């Protein structure tokens, strides 16, 4: 009977050892914490890499259809050379809302406006433009601005109402051309106190009206007190003369 009990005990110990061996070992608390932190960092690193990758290609490929309608104008600008203004004509795209304002009579420095496809404009070739554009120079960020302006012509209002202002492939020059407000490309913008806009008193929120009224009252009281002070000085002078005469 003792032999049977010992045999059962040995079988139980062997079973516990085999179970312990099959069970995965528990890591120490510090090691487990480090493993969790590393696993949490890995997705964040992947996200950062994805952001950098998308930023690198942003703007390099546009989804705007190449056959999109676009208007490009010849703008009369100026450059400052040796203190004098010299003429400079710039070829730059025009947005739909800008051309709509020009069509309604707004003053503009554009002498001519031509319409074409975006693909033709992106070739950056003057052969695609009329002879009036021969003296012009392409503007800065020409391709990017062409794409942006072409998207404005894809809006419903522009497609339904504005495409007839300058039909595709045609040139228009009868806008309200004016150089009264000269567009100087290399002008220095110097800000001074004269550029500050004073708030109208009807919407005063700083209490300027009350301060001005108080100052006016002080001035009036000072003016009213001036004659009285002068008469007192005269009376004092007369009293002094009377004392001296005695």
Protein backbone atom coordinates (compact mmCIF):
# COMPACT_ATOMS: atom_id res chain seq x y z
CA UNK A 1 0.00 0.00 0.00
CA UNK A 2 2.91 2.32 0.77
CA UNK A 3 4.38 1.40 -2.57
CA UNK A 4 1.14 2.39 -4.35
CA UNK A 5 1.00 5.73 -2.52
CA UNK A 6 4.61 6.50 -3.43
CA UNK A 7 3.91 5.61 -7.06
CA UNK A 8 0.89 7.98 -7.14
CA UNK A 9 2.98 10.76 -5.60
CA UNK A 10 5.71 10.31 -8.21
CA UNK A 11 3.15 10.41 -11.02
CA UNK A 12 1.65 13.66 -9.62
CA UNK A 13 5.09 15.29 -9.36
CA UNK A 14 5.94 14.25 -12.91
CA UNK A 15 2.63 15.65 -14.15
CA UNK A 16 3.25 19.01 -12.42
CA UNK A 17 6.78 19.21 -13.87
CA UNK A 18 5.55 18.50 -17.39
CA UNK A 19 2.81 21.14 -17.02
CA UNK A 20 5.32 23.71 -15.76
CA UNK A 21 7.65 22.95 -18.64
CA UNK A 22 4.87 23.37 -21.20
CA UNK A 23 3.67 26.67 -19.64
CA UNK A 24 5.42 29.79 -21.14
CA UNK A 25 7.77 31.49 -18.75
CA UNK A 26 6.53 34.75 -17.26
CA UNK A 27 8.84 37.65 -17.94
CA UNK A 28 9.97 39.95 -15.22
CA UNK A 29 7.86 43.11 -14.71
CA UNK A 30 10.59 45.46 -16.01
CA UNK A 31 11.25 43.35 -19.11
CA UNK A 32 7.56 43.03 -19.88
CA UNK A 33 7.10 46.80 -19.60
CA UNK A 34 9.96 47.42 -22.04
CA UNK A 35 8.48 44.97 -24.53
CA UNK A 36 5.10 46.70 -24.39
CA UNK A 37 6.70 50.12 -24.90
CA UNK A 38 8.65 48.84 -27.92
CA UNK A 39 5.49 47.43 -29.46
CA UNK A 40 3.72 50.76 -28.93
CA UNK A 41 6.56 52.67 -30.55
CA UNK A 42 6.65 50.59 -33.71
CA UNK A 43 3.25 51.68 -35.12
CA UNK A 44 4.08 55.32 -34.36
CA UNK A 45 7.35 55.00 -36.25
CA UNK A 46 5.52 53.51 -39.21
CA UNK A 47 2.99 56.37 -39.12
CA UNK A 48 5.75 58.99 -39.09
CA UNK A 49 7.44 57.32 -42.06
CA UNK A 50 4.14 57.31 -43.93
CA UNK A 51 3.64 61.01 -43.25
CA UNK A 52 7.13 61.86 -44.50
CA UNK A 53 6.58 59.81 -47.62
CA UNK A 54 3.26 61.50 -48.43
CA UNK A 55 4.76 64.94 -47.83
CA UNK A 56 7.62 64.22 -50.19
CA UNK A 57 5.29 63.57 -53.14
CA UNK A 58 2.62 66.15 -52.29
CA UNK A 59 1.98 68.45 -55.23
CA UNK A 60 4.26 66.56 -57.61
CA UNK A 61 1.31 64.91 -59.36
CA UNK A 62 -2.02 66.66 -59.85
CA UNK A 63 -5.35 64.98 -60.34
CA UNK A 64 -6.73 67.84 -62.45
CA UNK A 65 -7.73 66.59 -65.91
CA UNK A 66 -5.28 67.68 -68.58
CA UNK A 67 -8.11 68.81 -70.84
CA UNK A 68 -9.48 71.19 -68.18
CA UNK A 69 -10.39 74.70 -69.31
CA UNK A 70 -8.01 77.49 -68.26
CA UNK A 71 -7.64 81.23 -68.83
CA UNK A 72 -4.23 82.90 -68.94
CA UNK A 73 -3.66 86.64 -69.13
CA UNK A 74 -0.91 89.07 -70.03
CA UNK A 75 -0.47 91.39 -67.05
CA UNK A 76 1.18 94.81 -67.28
CA UNK A 77 3.47 95.02 -64.24
CA UNK A 78 6.48 97.08 -63.23
CA UNK A 79 9.89 96.49 -61.72
CA UNK A 80 11.88 99.07 -59.80
CA UNK A 81 15.34 99.66 -61.25
CA UNK A 82 17.62 102.45 -59.99
CA UNK A 83 14.68 104.21 -58.39
CA UNK A 84 12.63 104.19 -61.60
CA UNK A 85 9.77 101.96 -62.74
CA UNK A 86 10.25 99.82 -65.82
CA UNK A 87 7.51 97.96 -67.69
CA UNK A 88 7.37 94.18 -67.39
CA UNK A 89 4.66 91.95 -68.85
CA UNK A 90 3.87 88.71 -67.03
CA UNK A 91 2.00 85.65 -68.31
CA UNK A 92 -0.07 84.26 -65.47
CA UNK A 93 -3.26 82.18 -65.09
CA UNK A 94 -6.53 83.80 -64.01
CA UNK A 95 -9.11 82.24 -61.68
CA UNK A 96 -12.77 82.03 -62.62
CA UNK A 97 -13.94 84.56 -60.03
CA UNK A 98 -11.23 87.05 -61.05
CA UNK A 99 -12.25 86.90 -64.70
CA UNK A 100 -15.90 87.28 -63.68
CA UNK A 101 -15.03 90.55 -61.91
CA UNK A 102 -13.07 91.72 -64.94
CA UNK A 103 -16.02 90.93 -67.21
CA UNK A 104 -18.26 93.11 -65.01
CA UNK A 105 -16.03 96.16 -65.48
CA UNK A 106 -13.55 95.97 -62.62
CA UNK A 107 -10.25 97.71 -63.27
CA UNK A 108 -7.45 95.34 -64.17
CA UNK A 109 -3.84 95.37 -65.27
CA UNK A 110 -4.43 92.50 -67.72
CA UNK A 111 -4.22 93.65 -71.32
CA UNK A 112 -5.19 90.34 -72.96
CA UNK A 113 -6.81 87.08 -71.83
CA UNK A 114 -6.55 83.81 -73.71
CA UNK A 115 -8.25 80.47 -73.02
CA UNK A 116 -6.73 77.04 -73.62
CA UNK A 117 -6.45 73.54 -72.19
CA UNK A 118 -4.40 72.87 -69.05
CA UNK A 119 -2.17 70.44 -70.93
CA UNK A 120 -1.28 73.14 -73.46
CA UNK A 121 -0.54 75.68 -70.74
CA UNK A 122 1.73 73.29 -68.83
CA UNK A 123 3.99 72.95 -71.85
CA UNK A 124 5.25 76.44 -71.02
CA UNK A 125 5.59 77.28 -74.68
CA UNK A 126 4.70 80.66 -76.15
CA UNK A 127 3.80 78.88 -79.37
CA UNK A 128 0.53 77.90 -77.70
CA UNK A 129 -0.35 81.59 -77.16
CA UNK A 130 -1.27 84.38 -79.57
CA UNK A 131 1.33 86.84 -80.83
CA UNK A 132 0.27 89.38 -78.17
CA UNK A 133 1.92 87.19 -75.52
CA UNK A 134 5.32 87.14 -77.21
CA UNK A 135 6.80 89.87 -75.00
CA UNK A 136 5.57 88.29 -71.78
CA UNK A 137 7.49 86.32 -69.15
CA UNK A 138 6.00 83.34 -67.36
CA UNK A 139 5.15 84.09 -63.73
CA UNK A 140 6.64 82.38 -60.69
CA UNK A 141 5.21 78.95 -59.81
CA UNK A 142 3.56 78.97 -63.23
CA UNK A 143 2.66 75.27 -63.36
CA UNK A 144 1.25 75.16 -59.82
CA UNK A 145 -0.85 78.26 -60.39
CA UNK A 146 -2.14 76.91 -63.70
CA UNK A 147 -3.36 73.77 -61.98
CA UNK A 148 -4.97 75.74 -59.14
CA UNK A 149 -6.73 78.13 -61.53
CA UNK A 150 -7.94 75.26 -63.73
CA UNK A 151 -9.70 73.74 -60.71
CA UNK A 152 -11.65 76.98 -60.18
CA UNK A 153 -13.09 76.57 -63.67
CA UNK A 154 -14.38 73.10 -62.77
CA UNK A 155 -16.84 74.48 -60.22
CA UNK A 156 -20.54 74.41 -61.18
CA UNK A 157 -21.00 78.20 -61.26
CA UNK A 158 -18.01 78.70 -63.54
CA UNK A 159 -18.96 75.86 -65.88
CA UNK A 160 -22.56 77.04 -66.19
CA UNK A 161 -22.09 80.81 -66.41
CA UNK A 162 -18.51 81.93 -67.11
CA UNK A 163 -17.13 79.83 -69.98
CA UNK A 164 -18.59 82.23 -72.54
CA UNK A 165 -16.53 85.19 -71.31
CA UNK A 166 -13.50 83.93 -73.23
CA UNK A 167 -14.48 80.91 -75.35
CA UNK A 168 -11.91 78.16 -75.68
CA UNK A 169 -9.07 79.06 -78.01
CA UNK A 170 -10.04 82.72 -78.32
CA UNK A 171 -8.40 85.98 -77.25
CA UNK A 172 -10.20 88.84 -75.53
CA UNK A 173 -8.78 92.30 -74.90
CA UNK A 174 -11.74 94.62 -74.20
CA UNK A 175 -11.46 94.67 -70.40
CA UNK A 176 -11.25 97.79 -68.20
CA UNK A 177 -7.49 98.00 -68.52
CA UNK A 178 -5.83 100.52 -66.17
CA UNK A 179 -2.42 101.11 -64.61
CA UNK A 180 -3.64 103.65 -62.06
CA UNK A 181 -2.77 101.19 -59.31
CA UNK A 182 0.62 100.03 -60.47
CA UNK A 183 1.64 96.48 -59.66
CA UNK A 184 5.33 96.60 -58.75
CA UNK A 185 6.83 93.12 -58.61
CA UNK A 186 9.91 93.93 -56.51
CA UNK A 187 8.36 96.57 -54.26
CA UNK A 188 9.45 96.75 -50.61
CA UNK A 189 6.52 96.64 -48.21
CA UNK A 190 7.49 99.05 -45.42
CA UNK A 191 4.94 99.18 -42.59
CA UNK A 192 4.58 102.35 -40.49
CA UNK A 193 2.07 103.92 -38.11
CA UNK A 194 0.16 105.54 -40.97
CA UNK A 195 -1.05 102.06 -41.97
CA UNK A 196 -2.99 101.68 -38.72
CA UNK A 197 -6.74 101.80 -39.15
CA UNK A 198 -8.57 103.87 -36.56
CA UNK A 199 -11.79 102.39 -35.29
CA UNK A 200 -14.91 104.42 -35.94
CA UNK A 201 -16.39 106.04 -32.84
CA UNK A 202 -19.79 104.47 -33.58
CA UNK A 203 -18.35 101.07 -32.64
CA UNK A 204 -15.99 102.32 -29.94
CA UNK A 205 -15.05 99.58 -27.49
CA UNK A 206 -12.09 101.29 -25.86
CA UNK A 207 -13.91 104.18 -24.15
CA UNK A 208 -12.29 106.83 -26.33
CA UNK A 209 -15.46 108.92 -26.38
CA UNK A 210 -15.62 109.13 -22.58
CA UNK A 211 -11.95 110.08 -22.38
CA UNK A 212 -12.34 112.79 -24.99
CA UNK A 213 -15.42 114.19 -23.22
CA UNK A 214 -13.60 114.25 -19.88
CA UNK A 215 -10.64 116.05 -21.46
CA UNK A 216 -13.00 118.60 -23.04
CA UNK A 217 -14.67 119.28 -19.67
CA UNK A 218 -11.31 119.81 -18.02
CA UNK A 219 -10.34 122.27 -20.73
CA UNK A 220 -13.62 124.18 -20.32
CA UNK A 221 -13.27 124.35 -16.56
CA UNK A 222 -9.71 125.59 -16.93
CA UNK A 223 -10.83 128.32 -19.33
CA UNK A 224 -13.68 129.34 -17.00
CA UNK A 225 -11.35 129.49 -14.00
CA UNK A 226 -8.76 131.62 -15.80
CA UNK A 227 -10.64 135.02 -15.51
CA UNK A 228 -11.43 134.42 -11.83
CA UNK A 229 -7.79 133.67 -11.09
CA UNK A 230 -6.74 136.85 -12.93
CA UNK A 231 -9.17 139.00 -10.94
CA UNK A 232 -7.94 137.51 -7.67
CA UNK A 233 -4.37 138.34 -8.61
CA UNK A 234 -5.41 141.93 -9.38
CA UNK A 235 -7.17 142.27 -6.01
CA UNK A 236 -4.11 140.93 -4.20
CA UNK A 237 -1.94 143.42 -6.06
CA UNK A 238 -4.27 146.29 -5.09
CA UNK A 239 -4.23 145.22 -1.41
CA UNK A 240 -0.44 145.10 -1.48
CA UNK A 241 -0.25 148.58 -2.97
CA UNK A 242 -2.65 149.89 -0.31
CA UNK A 243 -0.54 148.46 2.49
CA UNK A 244 2.65 149.90 1.06
CA UNK A 245 1.11 153.33 0.68
CA UNK A 246 0.22 153.42 4.40
